[in-house]
Amino acid sequence: MSEYIPTPVKWVRDQVELYESSGGTQGTELLDTGLPCIIVTHTGNKTGGTRKTPLMRVKDGNGYVLVGSQGGAPKNPVWVYNLRANADVEIRDKTEVFKMRVREVEDDGERDRVWAICVEAFPPYEEYKNKAPRKIPVFIAEPV
């Protein structure tokens, strides 16, 4: 992978640093909410640099569901564009690291099924969906 370019967002930088420096034994809850998170390592679509993003841990079989909700904000998080440009990612789930490939969920039936899993894991997703003036992107990360 290329050089790691940390985000300018302090809490994200701090979360990634704690998670990775502890080998996945600390920082495994999103913002100390008690909710489990993973670290998604991906490639910047403009810089080509390595980016790392903590996201809610939502499992679907042996894969993960990545939700571009950004709390229902009007715009997609930047990592969505990175995944659209380069589908190869690494996911750190506590002490385990997996090479994975993502695909955006386009089929409405599959999206409904996966969205129900997401809302079960993190009920505020439904509120974010109703608040967002956009269709929230959903990706499935599957083992390579």
N, C-alpha and C. Protein backbone atom coordinates (compact mmCIF):
# COMPACT_ATOMS: atom_id res chain seq x y z
N MET A 1 0.84 -1.19 0.00
CA MET A 1 0.00 0.00 0.00
C MET A 1 0.88 1.25 0.00
N SER A 2 0.29 2.34 -0.38
CA SER A 2 1.02 3.60 -0.43
C SER A 2 1.08 4.24 0.95
N GLU A 3 1.64 5.43 1.00
CA GLU A 3 1.81 6.14 2.26
C GLU A 3 0.46 6.44 2.91
N TYR A 4 0.39 6.25 4.23
CA TYR A 4 -0.82 6.54 4.99
C TYR A 4 -0.98 8.05 5.14
N ILE A 5 -2.14 8.54 4.78
CA ILE A 5 -2.47 9.96 4.93
C ILE A 5 -3.58 10.06 5.97
N PRO A 6 -3.23 10.44 7.21
CA PRO A 6 -4.26 10.54 8.25
C PRO A 6 -5.29 11.61 7.92
N THR A 7 -6.50 11.39 8.38
CA THR A 7 -7.58 12.35 8.18
C THR A 7 -7.31 13.62 8.99
N PRO A 8 -7.85 14.75 8.56
CA PRO A 8 -7.73 15.96 9.38
C PRO A 8 -8.69 15.95 10.58
N VAL A 9 -9.60 14.98 10.64
CA VAL A 9 -10.59 14.92 11.73
C VAL A 9 -9.94 14.23 12.94
N LYS A 10 -9.77 15.00 14.02
CA LYS A 10 -9.00 14.53 15.17
C LYS A 10 -9.55 13.24 15.79
N TRP A 11 -10.85 13.17 16.04
CA TRP A 11 -11.37 11.97 16.71
C TRP A 11 -11.15 10.72 15.85
N VAL A 12 -11.20 10.87 14.53
CA VAL A 12 -10.98 9.72 13.63
C VAL A 12 -9.51 9.30 13.71
N ARG A 13 -8.61 10.28 13.63
CA ARG A 13 -7.16 9.99 13.75
C ARG A 13 -6.87 9.27 15.06
N ASP A 14 -7.43 9.81 16.16
CA ASP A 14 -7.19 9.24 17.49
C ASP A 14 -7.73 7.81 17.58
N GLN A 15 -8.93 7.59 17.04
CA GLN A 15 -9.54 6.25 17.08
C GLN A 15 -8.68 5.25 16.30
N VAL A 16 -8.28 5.61 15.10
CA VAL A 16 -7.46 4.72 14.27
C VAL A 16 -6.13 4.44 14.98
N GLU A 17 -5.50 5.47 15.53
CA GLU A 17 -4.21 5.29 16.19
C GLU A 17 -4.32 4.36 17.39
N LEU A 18 -5.33 4.55 18.23
CA LEU A 18 -5.52 3.69 19.40
C LEU A 18 -5.81 2.25 18.98
N TYR A 19 -6.71 2.10 18.03
CA TYR A 19 -7.11 0.77 17.55
C TYR A 19 -5.89 0.01 17.03
N GLU A 20 -5.13 0.66 16.15
CA GLU A 20 -4.01 -0.02 15.51
C GLU A 20 -2.80 -0.17 16.42
N SER A 21 -2.50 0.84 17.23
CA SER A 21 -1.32 0.75 18.10
C SER A 21 -1.50 -0.31 19.19
N SER A 22 -2.75 -0.63 19.51
CA SER A 22 -3.03 -1.66 20.53
C SER A 22 -3.19 -3.05 19.90
N GLY A 23 -3.03 -3.12 18.57
CA GLY A 23 -3.22 -4.40 17.90
C GLY A 23 -4.68 -4.85 17.89
N GLY A 24 -5.58 -3.89 18.07
CA GLY A 24 -7.01 -4.20 18.03
C GLY A 24 -7.59 -4.61 19.37
N THR A 25 -6.89 -4.30 20.46
CA THR A 25 -7.42 -4.62 21.78
C THR A 25 -8.04 -3.41 22.47
N GLN A 26 -7.81 -2.21 21.93
CA GLN A 26 -8.40 -0.98 22.47
C GLN A 26 -8.96 -0.16 21.32
N GLY A 27 -9.88 0.75 21.66
CA GLY A 27 -10.45 1.62 20.64
C GLY A 27 -11.41 0.91 19.71
N THR A 28 -11.93 -0.22 20.14
CA THR A 28 -12.78 -1.04 19.28
C THR A 28 -14.25 -0.67 19.36
N GLU A 29 -14.55 0.39 20.12
CA GLU A 29 -15.91 0.91 20.19
C GLU A 29 -15.92 2.30 19.57
N LEU A 30 -16.93 2.56 18.76
CA LEU A 30 -17.00 3.85 18.07
C LEU A 30 -17.25 4.96 19.07
N LEU A 31 -16.30 5.87 19.19
CA LEU A 31 -16.39 7.02 20.09
C LEU A 31 -16.79 6.62 21.50
N ASP A 32 -16.32 5.47 21.97
CA ASP A 32 -16.64 4.99 23.32
C ASP A 32 -18.14 4.91 23.59
N THR A 33 -18.91 4.55 22.56
CA THR A 33 -20.37 4.43 22.70
C THR A 33 -20.77 3.04 23.18
N GLY A 34 -19.81 2.12 23.20
CA GLY A 34 -20.15 0.74 23.51
C GLY A 34 -20.50 -0.04 22.25
N LEU A 35 -20.58 0.67 21.11
CA LEU A 35 -20.92 0.03 19.85
C LEU A 35 -19.64 -0.37 19.12
N PRO A 36 -19.57 -1.61 18.65
CA PRO A 36 -18.33 -2.10 18.03
C PRO A 36 -18.04 -1.42 16.69
N CYS A 37 -16.76 -1.20 16.44
CA CYS A 37 -16.36 -0.62 15.15
C CYS A 37 -15.22 -1.42 14.56
N ILE A 38 -15.03 -1.21 13.28
CA ILE A 38 -13.94 -1.80 12.52
C ILE A 38 -13.15 -0.65 11.91
N ILE A 39 -11.94 -0.95 11.45
CA ILE A 39 -11.16 0.04 10.71
C ILE A 39 -11.09 -0.43 9.27
N VAL A 40 -11.53 0.43 8.36
CA VAL A 40 -11.47 0.11 6.93
C VAL A 40 -10.29 0.88 6.33
N THR A 41 -9.34 0.15 5.77
CA THR A 41 -8.19 0.76 5.10
C THR A 41 -8.46 0.71 3.61
N HIS A 42 -8.39 1.88 2.99
CA HIS A 42 -8.75 2.00 1.57
C HIS A 42 -7.81 2.98 0.89
N THR A 43 -7.96 3.13 -0.42
CA THR A 43 -7.09 4.00 -1.20
C THR A 43 -7.83 5.27 -1.60
N GLY A 44 -7.20 6.41 -1.37
CA GLY A 44 -7.80 7.69 -1.75
C GLY A 44 -7.95 7.79 -3.26
N ASN A 45 -9.14 8.19 -3.70
CA ASN A 45 -9.40 8.24 -5.15
C ASN A 45 -8.68 9.39 -5.84
N LYS A 46 -8.28 10.41 -5.11
CA LYS A 46 -7.55 11.53 -5.71
C LYS A 46 -6.07 11.47 -5.39
N THR A 47 -5.73 11.13 -4.14
CA THR A 47 -4.33 11.14 -3.71
C THR A 47 -3.61 9.82 -4.00
N GLY A 48 -4.37 8.73 -4.06
CA GLY A 48 -3.74 7.41 -4.18
C GLY A 48 -3.13 6.96 -2.87
N GLY A 49 -3.27 7.78 -1.83
CA GLY A 49 -2.71 7.45 -0.53
C GLY A 49 -3.60 6.48 0.24
N THR A 50 -3.02 5.88 1.26
CA THR A 50 -3.76 4.97 2.12
C THR A 50 -4.58 5.78 3.11
N ARG A 51 -5.84 5.44 3.23
CA ARG A 51 -6.77 6.11 4.14
C ARG A 51 -7.33 5.06 5.10
N LYS A 52 -7.68 5.50 6.31
CA LYS A 52 -8.23 4.58 7.32
C LYS A 52 -9.45 5.23 7.95
N THR A 53 -10.54 4.47 7.99
CA THR A 53 -11.80 5.00 8.48
C THR A 53 -12.44 4.04 9.48
N PRO A 54 -12.76 4.51 10.69
CA PRO A 54 -13.51 3.67 11.62
C PRO A 54 -15.00 3.72 11.24
N LEU A 55 -15.60 2.55 11.14
CA LEU A 55 -17.02 2.45 10.80
C LEU A 55 -17.70 1.47 11.76
N MET A 56 -19.01 1.60 11.88
CA MET A 56 -19.79 0.65 12.67
C MET A 56 -19.51 -0.76 12.18
N ARG A 57 -19.42 -1.71 13.11
CA ARG A 57 -19.22 -3.12 12.76
C ARG A 57 -20.59 -3.73 12.51
N VAL A 58 -20.87 -3.98 11.24
CA VAL A 58 -22.13 -4.63 10.85
C VAL A 58 -21.75 -5.86 10.03
N LYS A 59 -22.01 -7.04 10.58
CA LYS A 59 -21.65 -8.29 9.91
C LYS A 59 -22.83 -8.80 9.09
N ASP A 60 -22.49 -9.40 7.94
CA ASP A 60 -23.46 -10.08 7.10
C ASP A 60 -22.78 -11.36 6.63
N GLY A 61 -23.06 -12.47 7.31
CA GLY A 61 -22.37 -13.71 7.01
C GLY A 61 -20.89 -13.54 7.31
N ASN A 62 -20.02 -13.87 6.33
CA ASN A 62 -18.58 -13.69 6.55
C ASN A 62 -18.09 -12.37 5.95
N GLY A 63 -19.01 -11.48 5.65
CA GLY A 63 -18.67 -10.16 5.14
C GLY A 63 -19.10 -9.07 6.11
N TYR A 64 -18.88 -7.83 5.68
CA TYR A 64 -19.24 -6.66 6.47
C TYR A 64 -20.07 -5.72 5.61
N VAL A 65 -20.96 -4.98 6.25
CA VAL A 65 -21.75 -3.96 5.55
C VAL A 65 -21.20 -2.60 5.97
N LEU A 66 -20.89 -1.77 4.99
CA LEU A 66 -20.33 -0.44 5.23
C LEU A 66 -21.38 0.58 4.80
N VAL A 67 -21.78 1.44 5.74
CA VAL A 67 -22.87 2.38 5.51
C VAL A 67 -22.34 3.80 5.45
N GLY A 68 -22.59 4.48 4.34
CA GLY A 68 -22.12 5.86 4.15
C GLY A 68 -23.12 6.87 4.65
N SER A 69 -23.51 6.75 5.90
CA SER A 69 -24.59 7.61 6.43
C SER A 69 -24.12 9.01 6.79
N GLN A 70 -22.94 9.09 7.39
CA GLN A 70 -22.42 10.37 7.90
C GLN A 70 -23.49 11.10 8.71
N GLY A 71 -24.21 10.32 9.53
CA GLY A 71 -25.21 10.91 10.41
C GLY A 71 -26.38 11.55 9.68
N GLY A 72 -26.60 11.18 8.43
CA GLY A 72 -27.69 11.77 7.65
C GLY A 72 -27.32 13.11 7.02
N ALA A 73 -26.03 13.41 6.97
CA ALA A 73 -25.56 14.67 6.37
C ALA A 73 -25.96 14.74 4.89
N PRO A 74 -26.00 15.96 4.33
CA PRO A 74 -26.41 16.13 2.93
C PRO A 74 -25.46 15.48 1.92
N LYS A 75 -24.17 15.33 2.29
CA LYS A 75 -23.19 14.79 1.35
C LYS A 75 -22.66 13.44 1.84
N ASN A 76 -22.22 12.64 0.89
CA ASN A 76 -21.60 11.36 1.22
C ASN A 76 -20.26 11.61 1.92
N PRO A 77 -19.86 10.70 2.81
CA PRO A 77 -18.50 10.78 3.33
C PRO A 77 -17.51 10.52 2.20
N VAL A 78 -16.33 11.10 2.30
CA VAL A 78 -15.32 10.99 1.24
C VAL A 78 -14.96 9.53 0.96
N TRP A 79 -14.97 8.69 1.99
CA TRP A 79 -14.56 7.30 1.77
C TRP A 79 -15.46 6.58 0.77
N VAL A 80 -16.70 7.02 0.60
CA VAL A 80 -17.61 6.40 -0.39
C VAL A 80 -16.99 6.50 -1.79
N TYR A 81 -16.46 7.65 -2.13
CA TYR A 81 -15.86 7.85 -3.46
C TYR A 81 -14.59 7.02 -3.60
N ASN A 82 -13.87 6.86 -2.50
CA ASN A 82 -12.68 6.03 -2.53
C ASN A 82 -13.04 4.57 -2.84
N LEU A 83 -14.09 4.06 -2.20
CA LEU A 83 -14.50 2.67 -2.44
C LEU A 83 -15.06 2.49 -3.85
N ARG A 84 -15.74 3.50 -4.35
CA ARG A 84 -16.26 3.41 -5.72
C ARG A 84 -15.11 3.36 -6.73
N ALA A 85 -13.99 4.01 -6.41
CA ALA A 85 -12.85 4.06 -7.33
C ALA A 85 -11.93 2.85 -7.17
N ASN A 86 -11.87 2.29 -5.98
CA ASN A 86 -10.97 1.16 -5.73
C ASN A 86 -11.64 0.23 -4.72
N ALA A 87 -12.06 -0.92 -5.18
CA ALA A 87 -12.85 -1.85 -4.36
C ALA A 87 -12.03 -2.70 -3.40
N ASP A 88 -10.71 -2.65 -3.50
CA ASP A 88 -9.88 -3.47 -2.61
C ASP A 88 -9.64 -2.74 -1.29
N VAL A 89 -9.99 -3.40 -0.19
CA VAL A 89 -9.84 -2.82 1.14
C VAL A 89 -9.26 -3.85 2.09
N GLU A 90 -8.85 -3.36 3.24
CA GLU A 90 -8.49 -4.21 4.36
C GLU A 90 -9.42 -3.83 5.49
N ILE A 91 -9.90 -4.82 6.20
CA ILE A 91 -10.76 -4.54 7.35
C ILE A 91 -10.11 -5.13 8.58
N ARG A 92 -9.91 -4.28 9.59
CA ARG A 92 -9.43 -4.73 10.90
C ARG A 92 -10.64 -4.82 11.81
N ASP A 93 -10.89 -6.02 12.31
CA ASP A 93 -11.97 -6.27 13.25
C ASP A 93 -11.29 -6.78 14.52
N LYS A 94 -11.09 -5.87 15.45
CA LYS A 94 -10.32 -6.13 16.66
C LYS A 94 -8.93 -6.62 16.28
N THR A 95 -8.57 -7.86 16.60
CA THR A 95 -7.19 -8.32 16.37
C THR A 95 -7.01 -8.99 15.01
N GLU A 96 -8.08 -9.13 14.24
CA GLU A 96 -7.99 -9.79 12.94
C GLU A 96 -8.03 -8.77 11.80
N VAL A 97 -7.25 -9.05 10.75
CA VAL A 97 -7.22 -8.18 9.57
C VAL A 97 -7.52 -9.04 8.35
N PHE A 98 -8.46 -8.56 7.53
CA PHE A 98 -8.92 -9.31 6.36
C PHE A 98 -8.76 -8.49 5.09
N LYS A 99 -8.26 -9.10 4.05
CA LYS A 99 -8.26 -8.48 2.72
C LYS A 99 -9.64 -8.74 2.13
N MET A 100 -10.28 -7.67 1.66
CA MET A 100 -11.64 -7.80 1.17
C MET A 100 -11.83 -6.96 -0.07
N ARG A 101 -12.93 -7.22 -0.75
CA ARG A 101 -13.33 -6.43 -1.91
C ARG A 101 -14.76 -5.97 -1.65
N VAL A 102 -15.01 -4.70 -1.95
CA VAL A 102 -16.34 -4.16 -1.71
C VAL A 102 -17.11 -4.04 -3.01
N ARG A 103 -18.41 -4.07 -2.86
CA ARG A 103 -19.31 -3.77 -3.98
C ARG A 103 -20.46 -2.96 -3.40
N GLU A 104 -20.89 -1.98 -4.18
CA GLU A 104 -22.01 -1.16 -3.73
C GLU A 104 -23.31 -1.92 -3.98
N VAL A 105 -24.20 -1.88 -3.02
CA VAL A 105 -25.47 -2.59 -3.13
C VAL A 105 -26.42 -1.73 -3.96
N GLU A 106 -26.77 -2.23 -5.13
CA GLU A 106 -27.65 -1.49 -6.06
C GLU A 106 -29.05 -2.10 -6.11
N ASP A 107 -29.14 -3.42 -5.97
CA ASP A 107 -30.42 -4.12 -6.07
C ASP A 107 -31.31 -3.77 -4.87
N ASP A 108 -32.54 -3.33 -5.14
CA ASP A 108 -33.44 -2.88 -4.06
C ASP A 108 -33.75 -3.98 -3.06
N GLY A 109 -33.95 -5.20 -3.53
CA GLY A 109 -34.25 -6.31 -2.63
C GLY A 109 -33.09 -6.60 -1.69
N GLU A 110 -31.88 -6.66 -2.27
CA GLU A 110 -30.70 -6.89 -1.44
C GLU A 110 -30.48 -5.72 -0.49
N ARG A 111 -30.70 -4.52 -0.98
CA ARG A 111 -30.53 -3.33 -0.14
C ARG A 111 -31.48 -3.37 1.06
N ASP A 112 -32.75 -3.75 0.83
CA ASP A 112 -33.71 -3.84 1.93
C ASP A 112 -33.26 -4.87 2.97
N ARG A 113 -32.78 -6.02 2.49
CA ARG A 113 -32.32 -7.08 3.39
C ARG A 113 -31.14 -6.59 4.23
N VAL A 114 -30.16 -5.98 3.56
CA VAL A 114 -28.96 -5.52 4.24
C VAL A 114 -29.27 -4.34 5.16
N TRP A 115 -30.14 -3.45 4.73
CA TRP A 115 -30.49 -2.29 5.55
C TRP A 115 -31.10 -2.73 6.88
N ALA A 116 -31.92 -3.77 6.86
CA ALA A 116 -32.53 -4.29 8.09
C ALA A 116 -31.43 -4.77 9.06
N ILE A 117 -30.40 -5.39 8.54
CA ILE A 117 -29.26 -5.84 9.37
C ILE A 117 -28.56 -4.62 9.98
N CYS A 118 -28.39 -3.59 9.18
CA CYS A 118 -27.72 -2.37 9.64
C CYS A 118 -28.50 -1.70 10.76
N VAL A 119 -29.80 -1.57 10.58
CA VAL A 119 -30.65 -0.91 11.58
C VAL A 119 -30.70 -1.73 12.86
N GLU A 120 -30.67 -3.06 12.73
CA GLU A 120 -30.64 -3.90 13.92
C GLU A 120 -29.35 -3.66 14.71
N ALA A 121 -28.23 -3.52 14.01
CA ALA A 121 -26.94 -3.27 14.65
C ALA A 121 -26.85 -1.86 15.23
N PHE A 122 -27.48 -0.90 14.55
CA PHE A 122 -27.39 0.51 14.94
C PHE A 122 -28.69 1.22 14.55
N PRO A 123 -29.70 1.20 15.44
CA PRO A 123 -31.02 1.76 15.11
C PRO A 123 -31.03 3.19 14.56
N PRO A 124 -30.10 4.10 14.96
CA PRO A 124 -30.13 5.45 14.39
C PRO A 124 -29.97 5.52 12.87
N TYR A 125 -29.49 4.43 12.23
CA TYR A 125 -29.39 4.45 10.77
C TYR A 125 -30.73 4.80 10.13
N GLU A 126 -31.82 4.31 10.71
CA GLU A 126 -33.15 4.60 10.13
C GLU A 126 -33.44 6.09 10.18
N GLU A 127 -33.10 6.73 11.29
CA GLU A 127 -33.27 8.18 11.43
C GLU A 127 -32.40 8.91 10.41
N TYR A 128 -31.16 8.44 10.24
CA TYR A 128 -30.25 9.07 9.28
C TYR A 128 -30.82 8.96 7.87
N LYS A 129 -31.40 7.81 7.55
CA LYS A 129 -31.98 7.60 6.21
C LYS A 129 -33.11 8.60 5.96
N ASN A 130 -33.95 8.81 6.98
CA ASN A 130 -35.08 9.74 6.83
C ASN A 130 -34.62 11.19 6.77
N LYS A 131 -33.50 11.49 7.40
CA LYS A 131 -32.98 12.86 7.46
C LYS A 131 -32.18 13.23 6.20
N ALA A 132 -31.49 12.27 5.63
CA ALA A 132 -30.57 12.55 4.52
C ALA A 132 -31.33 12.89 3.24
N PRO A 133 -30.92 13.95 2.54
CA PRO A 133 -31.54 14.31 1.27
C PRO A 133 -30.93 13.52 0.10
N ARG A 134 -30.38 12.35 0.39
CA ARG A 134 -29.71 11.52 -0.61
C ARG A 134 -29.97 10.06 -0.26
N LYS A 135 -29.71 9.20 -1.20
CA LYS A 135 -29.79 7.77 -0.93
C LYS A 135 -28.46 7.36 -0.29
N ILE A 136 -28.52 6.89 0.93
CA ILE A 136 -27.30 6.55 1.66
C ILE A 136 -26.63 5.34 1.00
N PRO A 137 -25.36 5.49 0.60
CA PRO A 137 -24.65 4.38 -0.04
C PRO A 137 -24.39 3.25 0.96
N VAL A 138 -24.57 2.03 0.47
CA VAL A 138 -24.32 0.84 1.27
C VAL A 138 -23.41 -0.08 0.44
N PHE A 139 -22.35 -0.57 1.08
CA PHE A 139 -21.40 -1.47 0.43
C PHE A 139 -21.35 -2.77 1.22
N ILE A 140 -21.06 -3.85 0.51
CA ILE A 140 -20.78 -5.12 1.16
C ILE A 140 -19.32 -5.44 0.89
N ALA A 141 -18.58 -5.72 1.96
CA ALA A 141 -17.18 -6.13 1.86
C ALA A 141 -17.14 -7.64 2.02
N GLU A 142 -16.57 -8.30 1.02
CA GLU A 142 -16.51 -9.75 1.01
C GLU A 142 -15.06 -10.22 0.92
N PRO A 143 -14.75 -11.38 1.56
CA PRO A 143 -13.38 -11.89 1.50
C PRO A 143 -12.91 -12.08 0.08
N VAL A 144 -11.63 -11.80 -0.15
CA VAL A 144 -11.04 -11.96 -1.49
C VAL A 144 -10.70 -13.43 -1.69
